[in-house]
Amino acid sequence: MKKLLYFAAAALMMVGTSCQKDEIGGTATEKLAGQWYVSVDGVDENGDVIEGFEGMLGSDLIINTYNTSANTDKVLFVDDLGEIWVFKVRTECDVNALTFHTANATFDEANPNNENGDPISVVISDGKILPGAGKQKNGSPADSITFLVKFSDDPYPATYGHAGYRVSGVRYSGLAEND
């Protein structure tokens, strides 16, 4: 009987210690990181949307922003998951100001070329995260993202007379009613 009591006490001690939760920290770019529903509009040199070019490359597209494996607060990946132009680039970021940009970035090593195998550059400017400035489809407030982007192999600006694209949208909420 004594052995049974010792065994029961040991089992309770193991259960008690295994239930302790470890603190899980966030990433260095946590304030900027997320999954976003965005639309892509054609814009002029000032970044203003050109009438008739709203949703030029689509709407309700999904992009991701996330930290690098180095987990530094100075670098953020912007990845269109193949929904806009097939790009994944590192941008410089300021976590406190909630901004990001890159003067001239080539595709990430995983995707160094366009569909023809040619190297291209992606320029992202005026990237901002605006806490609570957007609205979900159900009307609830959400963080908003906006940035300008240009691609070196883009034939559309010369053909249609715009300078680049404005990508803007809201953070994914996880609620089916907002999908």
C-alpha atoms as a PDB file:
ATOM      1  CA  MET A   1       0.000   0.000   0.000  1.00  0.00           C
ATOM      2  CA  LYS A   2       2.911   2.314   0.810  1.00  0.00           C
ATOM      3  CA  LYS A   3       4.357   1.791  -2.674  1.00  0.00           C
ATOM      4  CA  LEU A   4       1.010   2.703  -4.202  1.00  0.00           C
ATOM      5  CA  LEU A   5       0.873   5.950  -2.206  1.00  0.00           C
ATOM      6  CA  TYR A   6       4.443   6.850  -3.252  1.00  0.00           C
ATOM      7  CA  PHE A   7       3.591   6.097  -6.877  1.00  0.00           C
ATOM      8  CA  ALA A   8       0.402   8.230  -6.701  1.00  0.00           C
ATOM      9  CA  ALA A   9       2.314  11.123  -5.084  1.00  0.00           C
ATOM     10  CA  ALA A  10       5.029  10.928  -7.751  1.00  0.00           C
ATOM     11  CA  ALA A  11       2.419  10.874 -10.513  1.00  0.00           C
ATOM     12  CA  LEU A  12       0.684  13.954  -9.060  1.00  0.00           C
ATOM     13  CA  MET A  13       3.988  15.788  -8.848  1.00  0.00           C
ATOM     14  CA  MET A  14       4.701  15.010 -12.515  1.00  0.00           C
ATOM     15  CA  VAL A  15       1.255  16.143 -13.581  1.00  0.00           C
ATOM     16  CA  GLY A  16       1.605  19.327 -11.549  1.00  0.00           C
ATOM     17  CA  THR A  17       4.963  20.232 -13.067  1.00  0.00           C
ATOM     18  CA  SER A  18       3.942  19.334 -16.609  1.00  0.00           C
ATOM     19  CA  CYS A  19       1.011  21.749 -16.462  1.00  0.00           C
ATOM     20  CA  GLN A  20       3.216  24.792 -16.017  1.00  0.00           C
ATOM     21  CA  LYS A  21       3.086  27.045 -19.064  1.00  0.00           C
ATOM     22  CA  ASP A  22       6.163  28.474 -20.693  1.00  0.00           C
ATOM     23  CA  GLU A  23       6.098  32.133 -21.647  1.00  0.00           C
ATOM     24  CA  ILE A  24       6.155  32.459 -25.412  1.00  0.00           C
ATOM     25  CA  GLY A  25       7.602  35.685 -26.737  1.00  0.00           C
ATOM     26  CA  GLY A  26       6.779  37.425 -29.995  1.00  0.00           C
ATOM     27  CA  THR A  27       9.075  38.199 -32.888  1.00  0.00           C
ATOM     28  CA  ALA A  28      11.059  41.400 -33.331  1.00  0.00           C
ATOM     29  CA  THR A  29       8.696  42.570 -36.113  1.00  0.00           C
ATOM     30  CA  GLU A  30       5.486  41.422 -34.426  1.00  0.00           C
ATOM     31  CA  LYS A  31       3.801  44.850 -34.745  1.00  0.00           C
ATOM     32  CA  LEU A  32       4.361  44.816 -38.536  1.00  0.00           C
ATOM     33  CA  ALA A  33       3.820  41.123 -39.196  1.00  0.00           C
ATOM     34  CA  GLY A  34       0.580  39.562 -40.327  1.00  0.00           C
ATOM     35  CA  GLN A  35      -1.625  38.207 -43.049  1.00  0.00           C
ATOM     36  CA  TRP A  36      -3.470  40.878 -45.009  1.00  0.00           C
ATOM     37  CA  TYR A  37      -6.436  41.090 -47.392  1.00  0.00           C
ATOM     38  CA  VAL A  38      -5.453  43.721 -49.956  1.00  0.00           C
ATOM     39  CA  SER A  39      -6.448  45.331 -53.233  1.00  0.00           C
ATOM     40  CA  VAL A  40      -3.974  46.628 -55.816  1.00  0.00           C
ATOM     41  CA  ASP A  41      -4.682  49.902 -57.637  1.00  0.00           C
ATOM     42  CA  GLY A  42      -2.784  51.695 -60.410  1.00  0.00           C
ATOM     43  CA  VAL A  43      -1.323  55.008 -59.193  1.00  0.00           C
ATOM     44  CA  ASP A  44       0.288  58.127 -60.669  1.00  0.00           C
ATOM     45  CA  GLU A  45       3.744  59.527 -59.760  1.00  0.00           C
ATOM     46  CA  ASN A  46       2.283  61.086 -56.574  1.00  0.00           C
ATOM     47  CA  GLY A  47       0.873  57.741 -55.394  1.00  0.00           C
ATOM     48  CA  ASP A  48      -2.727  58.795 -56.069  1.00  0.00           C
ATOM     49  CA  VAL A  49      -5.064  56.130 -57.442  1.00  0.00           C
ATOM     50  CA  ILE A  50      -5.908  56.782 -61.098  1.00  0.00           C
ATOM     51  CA  GLU A  51      -9.598  56.667 -61.923  1.00  0.00           C
ATOM     52  CA  GLY A  52     -10.346  53.539 -63.900  1.00  0.00           C
ATOM     53  CA  PHE A  53      -7.358  51.670 -62.424  1.00  0.00           C
ATOM     54  CA  GLU A  54      -8.987  50.732 -59.108  1.00  0.00           C
ATOM     55  CA  GLY A  55      -8.423  47.051 -58.446  1.00  0.00           C
ATOM     56  CA  MET A  56      -6.165  46.869 -61.494  1.00  0.00           C
ATOM     57  CA  LEU A  57      -4.306  43.785 -60.286  1.00  0.00           C
ATOM     58  CA  GLY A  58      -7.139  42.488 -58.125  1.00  0.00           C
ATOM     59  CA  SER A  59      -8.817  42.767 -54.759  1.00  0.00           C
ATOM     60  CA  ASP A  60      -9.259  40.433 -51.780  1.00  0.00           C
ATOM     61  CA  LEU A  61      -5.735  39.184 -52.445  1.00  0.00           C
ATOM     62  CA  ILE A  62      -3.663  37.775 -49.594  1.00  0.00           C
ATOM     63  CA  ILE A  63      -0.137  38.922 -48.718  1.00  0.00           C
ATOM     64  CA  ASN A  64       2.058  38.238 -45.703  1.00  0.00           C
ATOM     65  CA  THR A  65       4.556  40.338 -43.788  1.00  0.00           C
ATOM     66  CA  TYR A  66       6.931  38.562 -41.405  1.00  0.00           C
ATOM     67  CA  ASN A  67      10.338  38.565 -39.739  1.00  0.00           C
ATOM     68  CA  THR A  68      13.505  37.021 -41.146  1.00  0.00           C
ATOM     69  CA  SER A  69      15.164  34.015 -39.523  1.00  0.00           C
ATOM     70  CA  ALA A  70      17.624  36.441 -37.900  1.00  0.00           C
ATOM     71  CA  ASN A  71      14.605  37.946 -36.071  1.00  0.00           C
ATOM     72  CA  THR A  72      15.911  41.507 -36.237  1.00  0.00           C
ATOM     73  CA  ASP A  73      13.675  44.554 -35.830  1.00  0.00           C
ATOM     74  CA  LYS A  74      15.313  46.201 -38.864  1.00  0.00           C
ATOM     75  CA  VAL A  75      14.243  43.781 -41.634  1.00  0.00           C
ATOM     76  CA  LEU A  76      10.781  42.600 -42.704  1.00  0.00           C
ATOM     77  CA  PHE A  77       9.759  40.243 -45.499  1.00  0.00           C
ATOM     78  CA  VAL A  78       6.873  41.321 -47.750  1.00  0.00           C
ATOM     79  CA  ASP A  79       5.526  38.277 -49.609  1.00  0.00           C
ATOM     80  CA  ASP A  80       2.649  38.392 -52.115  1.00  0.00           C
ATOM     81  CA  LEU A  81       2.321  34.577 -52.125  1.00  0.00           C
ATOM     82  CA  GLY A  82       2.165  34.726 -55.915  1.00  0.00           C
ATOM     83  CA  GLU A  83      -1.109  36.672 -55.870  1.00  0.00           C
ATOM     84  CA  ILE A  84       0.126  39.996 -57.288  1.00  0.00           C
ATOM     85  CA  TRP A  85       3.458  39.695 -59.127  1.00  0.00           C
ATOM     86  CA  VAL A  86       5.166  36.698 -57.493  1.00  0.00           C
ATOM     87  CA  PHE A  87       7.518  38.565 -55.177  1.00  0.00           C
ATOM     88  CA  LYS A  88       9.068  38.052 -51.768  1.00  0.00           C
ATOM     89  CA  VAL A  89      11.455  40.806 -50.751  1.00  0.00           C
ATOM     90  CA  ARG A  90      13.313  41.962 -47.679  1.00  0.00           C
ATOM     91  CA  THR A  91      12.491  45.517 -46.703  1.00  0.00           C
ATOM     92  CA  GLU A  92      14.039  47.838 -44.184  1.00  0.00           C
ATOM     93  CA  CYS A  93      11.604  48.561 -41.375  1.00  0.00           C
ATOM     94  CA  ASP A  94      11.106  50.730 -38.317  1.00  0.00           C
ATOM     95  CA  VAL A  95       8.999  48.819 -35.809  1.00  0.00           C
ATOM     96  CA  ASN A  96       8.366  51.891 -33.616  1.00  0.00           C
ATOM     97  CA  ALA A  97       7.184  54.044 -36.534  1.00  0.00           C
ATOM     98  CA  LEU A  98       5.355  51.045 -38.124  1.00  0.00           C
ATOM     99  CA  THR A  99       6.964  51.722 -41.527  1.00  0.00           C
ATOM    100  CA  PHE A 100       8.843  49.719 -44.156  1.00  0.00           C
ATOM    101  CA  HIS A 101      10.473  50.333 -47.545  1.00  0.00           C
ATOM    102  CA  THR A 102      13.230  49.288 -49.888  1.00  0.00           C
ATOM    103  CA  ALA A 103      14.970  51.414 -52.470  1.00  0.00           C
ATOM    104  CA  ASN A 104      15.681  48.603 -54.920  1.00  0.00           C
ATOM    105  CA  ALA A 105      15.412  44.958 -53.911  1.00  0.00           C
ATOM    106  CA  THR A 106      15.761  41.939 -56.085  1.00  0.00           C
ATOM    107  CA  PHE A 107      13.634  38.884 -55.471  1.00  0.00           C
ATOM    108  CA  ASP A 108      14.590  36.813 -52.491  1.00  0.00           C
ATOM    109  CA  GLU A 109      17.041  33.976 -53.123  1.00  0.00           C
ATOM    110  CA  ALA A 110      14.121  31.542 -53.298  1.00  0.00           C
ATOM    111  CA  ASN A 111      12.635  33.434 -56.275  1.00  0.00           C
ATOM    112  CA  PRO A 112      15.476  35.332 -57.993  1.00  0.00           C
ATOM    113  CA  ASN A 113      13.845  35.761 -61.404  1.00  0.00           C
ATOM    114  CA  ASN A 114      10.585  36.509 -63.138  1.00  0.00           C
ATOM    115  CA  GLU A 115       8.622  33.885 -65.077  1.00  0.00           C
ATOM    116  CA  ASN A 116      11.030  34.225 -68.049  1.00  0.00           C
ATOM    117  CA  GLY A 117      14.077  33.634 -65.842  1.00  0.00           C
ATOM    118  CA  ASP A 118      15.180  37.278 -65.968  1.00  0.00           C
ATOM    119  CA  PRO A 119      16.350  39.012 -62.779  1.00  0.00           C
ATOM    120  CA  ILE A 120      14.070  41.874 -61.788  1.00  0.00           C
ATOM    121  CA  SER A 121      13.857  44.434 -59.023  1.00  0.00           C
ATOM    122  CA  VAL A 122      10.974  45.303 -56.750  1.00  0.00           C
ATOM    123  CA  VAL A 123      10.781  48.787 -55.217  1.00  0.00           C
ATOM    124  CA  ILE A 124       8.534  49.261 -52.187  1.00  0.00           C
ATOM    125  CA  SER A 125       8.020  52.737 -50.741  1.00  0.00           C
ATOM    126  CA  ASP A 126       5.752  54.466 -48.227  1.00  0.00           C
ATOM    127  CA  GLY A 127       4.962  51.200 -46.426  1.00  0.00           C
ATOM    128  CA  LYS A 128       2.879  51.771 -43.293  1.00  0.00           C
ATOM    129  CA  ILE A 129       0.842  49.819 -40.781  1.00  0.00           C
ATOM    130  CA  LEU A 130      -2.001  51.920 -39.342  1.00  0.00           C
ATOM    131  CA  PRO A 131      -3.397  50.439 -36.100  1.00  0.00           C
ATOM    132  CA  GLY A 132      -7.211  50.378 -36.051  1.00  0.00           C
ATOM    133  CA  ALA A 133      -7.498  52.475 -39.249  1.00  0.00           C
ATOM    134  CA  GLY A 134      -9.216  49.800 -41.366  1.00  0.00           C
ATOM    135  CA  LYS A 135     -12.578  48.076 -41.254  1.00  0.00           C
ATOM    136  CA  GLN A 136     -13.350  44.382 -41.597  1.00  0.00           C
ATOM    137  CA  LYS A 137     -16.277  43.247 -43.741  1.00  0.00           C
ATOM    138  CA  ASN A 138     -18.344  42.889 -40.553  1.00  0.00           C
ATOM    139  CA  GLY A 139     -17.604  46.537 -39.658  1.00  0.00           C
ATOM    140  CA  SER A 140     -15.188  45.871 -36.801  1.00  0.00           C
ATOM    141  CA  PRO A 141     -11.958  47.922 -36.671  1.00  0.00           C
ATOM    142  CA  ALA A 142      -8.749  46.368 -37.970  1.00  0.00           C
ATOM    143  CA  ASP A 143      -5.147  47.305 -38.575  1.00  0.00           C
ATOM    144  CA  SER A 144      -4.528  48.617 -42.076  1.00  0.00           C
ATOM    145  CA  ILE A 145      -1.553  48.237 -44.422  1.00  0.00           C
ATOM    146  CA  THR A 146      -0.578  50.425 -47.362  1.00  0.00           C
ATOM    147  CA  PHE A 147       2.484  50.669 -49.618  1.00  0.00           C
ATOM    148  CA  LEU A 148       3.536  51.621 -53.137  1.00  0.00           C
ATOM    149  CA  VAL A 149       5.270  49.039 -55.312  1.00  0.00           C
ATOM    150  CA  LYS A 150       6.981  49.032 -58.728  1.00  0.00           C
ATOM    151  CA  PHE A 151       8.417  46.130 -60.738  1.00  0.00           C
ATOM    152  CA  SER A 152      11.283  46.514 -63.212  1.00  0.00           C
ATOM    153  CA  ASP A 153       9.709  44.075 -65.708  1.00  0.00           C
ATOM    154  CA  ASP A 154       6.210  45.641 -65.593  1.00  0.00           C
ATOM    155  CA  PRO A 155       4.904  46.525 -69.091  1.00  0.00           C
ATOM    156  CA  TYR A 156       1.648  48.100 -67.846  1.00  0.00           C
ATOM    157  CA  PRO A 157       2.844  51.606 -66.844  1.00  0.00           C
ATOM    158  CA  ALA A 158       4.114  52.361 -70.351  1.00  0.00           C
ATOM    159  CA  THR A 159       0.967  50.877 -71.903  1.00  0.00           C
ATOM    160  CA  TYR A 160      -1.634  52.370 -69.563  1.00  0.00           C
ATOM    161  CA  GLY A 161       0.079  55.498 -68.244  1.00  0.00           C
ATOM    162  CA  HIS A 162       0.411  54.832 -64.523  1.00  0.00           C
ATOM    163  CA  ALA A 163       3.577  54.857 -62.405  1.00  0.00           C
ATOM    164  CA  GLY A 164       3.106  51.808 -60.179  1.00  0.00           C
ATOM    165  CA  TYR A 165       0.663  50.266 -57.729  1.00  0.00           C
ATOM    166  CA  ARG A 166      -0.815  51.012 -54.326  1.00  0.00           C
ATOM    167  CA  VAL A 167      -1.350  47.909 -52.220  1.00  0.00           C
ATOM    168  CA  SER A 168      -3.757  48.514 -49.348  1.00  0.00           C
ATOM    169  CA  GLY A 169      -5.966  46.468 -47.086  1.00  0.00           C
ATOM    170  CA  VAL A 170      -6.668  45.108 -43.617  1.00  0.00           C
ATOM    171  CA  ARG A 171      -5.190  42.501 -41.304  1.00  0.00           C
ATOM    172  CA  TYR A 172      -6.746  39.028 -41.433  1.00  0.00           C
ATOM    173  CA  SER A 173      -9.106  38.622 -38.473  1.00  0.00           C
ATOM    174  CA  GLY A 174      -9.496  34.848 -38.401  1.00  0.00           C
ATOM    175  CA  LEU A 175     -13.299  35.194 -38.483  1.00  0.00           C
ATOM    176  CA  ALA A 176     -15.154  33.459 -41.328  1.00  0.00           C
ATOM    177  CA  GLU A 177     -17.562  36.412 -41.616  1.00  0.00           C
ATOM    178  CA  ASN A 178     -14.665  38.614 -42.755  1.00  0.00           C
ATOM    179  CA  ASP A 179     -13.319  36.219 -45.404  1.00  0.00           C
END
